[in-house]
């Protein structure tokens, strides 16, 4: 299984970025997917998760109404649209796959990508 995250970069506060994660080696439509992040010196935290068909989505309180998770089962991709970015959103962002159709913000995921760095300057 491979999860390849992309789309990270540097942006000013208030800006937007769109992260993408391409999955291979798994039956993507049977997995729930999640995005997590880890800032320097901090523990990894959940950001958003989405069920197998996109019908259920969960967000961390810190990103609610600013971030949107989506998926395209035909393309085996999961995306994270990040708007109104803040300096505290600076972190390495990871996508993850969970061998369950049901979304969760718990870190109980089976496969993890390599991460993509997002830097938000004030």
Protein backbone atom coordinates (compact mmCIF):
# COMPACT_ATOMS: atom_id res chain seq x y z
CA UNK A 1 0.00 0.00 0.00
CA UNK A 2 1.26 3.45 -0.90
CA UNK A 3 -0.16 6.80 0.08
CA UNK A 4 1.46 9.74 -1.68
CA UNK A 5 0.60 13.16 -0.28
CA UNK A 6 1.25 16.33 -2.24
CA UNK A 7 0.24 19.97 -2.40
CA UNK A 8 2.06 21.35 0.60
CA UNK A 9 3.94 24.62 0.47
CA UNK A 10 4.31 28.06 1.95
CA UNK A 11 1.45 30.53 2.14
CA UNK A 12 0.60 33.69 4.02
CA UNK A 13 -2.03 33.75 6.71
CA UNK A 14 -5.48 33.88 5.21
CA UNK A 15 -4.42 31.97 2.13
CA UNK A 16 -5.44 28.57 0.82
CA UNK A 17 -3.84 25.28 -0.11
CA UNK A 18 -5.21 22.02 -1.43
CA UNK A 19 -3.58 18.79 -0.37
CA UNK A 20 -4.04 15.59 -2.31
CA UNK A 21 -3.28 12.01 -1.44
CA UNK A 22 -3.03 9.32 -4.10
CA UNK A 23 -3.57 5.78 -2.87
CA UNK A 24 -2.46 2.55 -4.50
CA UNK A 25 -2.25 -1.09 -3.56
CA UNK A 26 -5.60 -1.20 -1.78
CA UNK A 27 -9.27 -1.35 -2.62
CA UNK A 28 -9.67 2.33 -1.98
CA UNK A 29 -13.46 2.43 -1.88
CA UNK A 30 -13.54 0.08 1.11
CA UNK A 31 -11.29 2.27 3.25
CA UNK A 32 -12.06 5.32 5.27
CA UNK A 33 -9.41 8.03 4.96
CA UNK A 34 -8.01 10.67 7.23
CA UNK A 35 -5.69 13.63 7.39
CA UNK A 36 -3.44 14.20 10.37
CA UNK A 37 -0.77 16.76 11.12
CA UNK A 38 2.23 17.16 13.34
CA UNK A 39 3.74 20.51 14.19
CA UNK A 40 7.36 20.82 15.36
CA UNK A 41 7.66 19.76 18.96
CA UNK A 42 4.04 18.67 19.20
CA UNK A 43 2.18 15.40 19.05
CA UNK A 44 0.37 14.28 15.97
CA UNK A 45 -3.24 15.39 15.86
CA UNK A 46 -6.19 14.48 13.73
CA UNK A 47 -7.50 17.01 11.22
CA UNK A 48 -10.31 15.38 9.27
CA UNK A 49 -11.69 12.02 8.25
CA UNK A 50 -14.08 10.74 5.62
CA UNK A 51 -16.02 7.52 5.27
CA UNK A 52 -15.74 5.13 2.36
CA UNK A 53 -18.37 6.88 0.25
CA UNK A 54 -17.88 10.41 1.51
CA UNK A 55 -21.18 10.34 3.35
CA UNK A 56 -19.68 11.02 6.76
CA UNK A 57 -16.99 13.57 7.51
CA UNK A 58 -15.45 14.61 10.78
CA UNK A 59 -13.30 17.62 11.52
CA UNK A 60 -11.17 18.71 14.43
CA UNK A 61 -12.63 21.78 16.11
CA UNK A 62 -9.55 23.78 15.20
CA UNK A 63 -10.19 23.40 11.45
CA UNK A 64 -13.97 23.21 11.29
CA UNK A 65 -15.50 25.63 8.76
CA UNK A 66 -12.06 26.26 7.23
CA UNK A 67 -11.00 22.84 5.92
CA UNK A 68 -12.93 20.44 3.69
CA UNK A 69 -12.09 16.79 3.14
CA UNK A 70 -13.28 15.04 -0.01
CA UNK A 71 -12.54 11.88 -1.95
CA UNK A 72 -12.78 10.54 -5.46
CA UNK A 73 -13.08 6.77 -5.44
CA UNK A 74 -12.70 6.61 -9.22
CA UNK A 75 -9.27 8.22 -8.94
CA UNK A 76 -8.23 6.72 -5.59
CA UNK A 77 -7.58 10.15 -4.13
CA UNK A 78 -8.49 12.04 -1.01
CA UNK A 79 -8.16 15.80 -0.79
CA UNK A 80 -8.00 18.43 1.90
CA UNK A 81 -9.00 21.95 0.90
CA UNK A 82 -7.57 24.36 3.44
CA UNK A 83 -8.87 27.92 3.52
CA UNK A 84 -8.26 30.84 5.87
CA UNK A 85 -4.96 29.33 6.91
CA UNK A 86 -3.37 30.43 10.16
CA UNK A 87 0.23 30.25 11.39
CA UNK A 88 -0.87 27.57 13.86
CA UNK A 89 -1.80 25.34 10.90
CA UNK A 90 1.91 25.01 10.13
CA UNK A 91 2.76 21.31 10.26
CA UNK A 92 3.59 18.22 8.29
CA UNK A 93 0.31 16.80 7.00
CA UNK A 94 -0.18 13.07 6.61
CA UNK A 95 -2.89 11.12 4.91
CA UNK A 96 -3.87 7.75 6.29
CA UNK A 97 -6.10 4.82 5.35
CA UNK A 98 -8.21 2.77 7.71
CA UNK A 99 -9.45 -0.72 6.94
CA UNK A 100 -13.01 0.21 7.75
CA UNK A 101 -15.77 1.98 5.90
CA UNK A 102 -16.43 4.21 8.90
CA UNK A 103 -14.65 7.49 9.51
CA UNK A 104 -12.97 8.32 12.79
CA UNK A 105 -10.71 11.02 14.17
CA UNK A 106 -8.96 8.43 16.31
CA UNK A 107 -5.48 7.60 15.14
CA UNK A 108 -6.30 3.95 14.61
CA UNK A 109 -5.31 3.84 10.94
CA UNK A 110 -3.58 1.02 9.11
CA UNK A 111 -1.49 2.83 6.51
CA UNK A 112 0.24 6.20 6.51
CA UNK A 113 1.73 8.40 3.82
CA UNK A 114 5.04 10.20 3.99
CA UNK A 115 3.69 13.67 4.75
CA UNK A 116 3.74 17.05 3.07
CA UNK A 117 4.86 20.26 4.77
CA UNK A 118 2.55 23.23 5.10
CA UNK A 119 4.02 26.50 6.31
CA UNK A 120 1.81 29.48 7.07
CA UNK A 121 3.48 32.81 7.72
CA UNK A 122 1.91 35.71 9.59
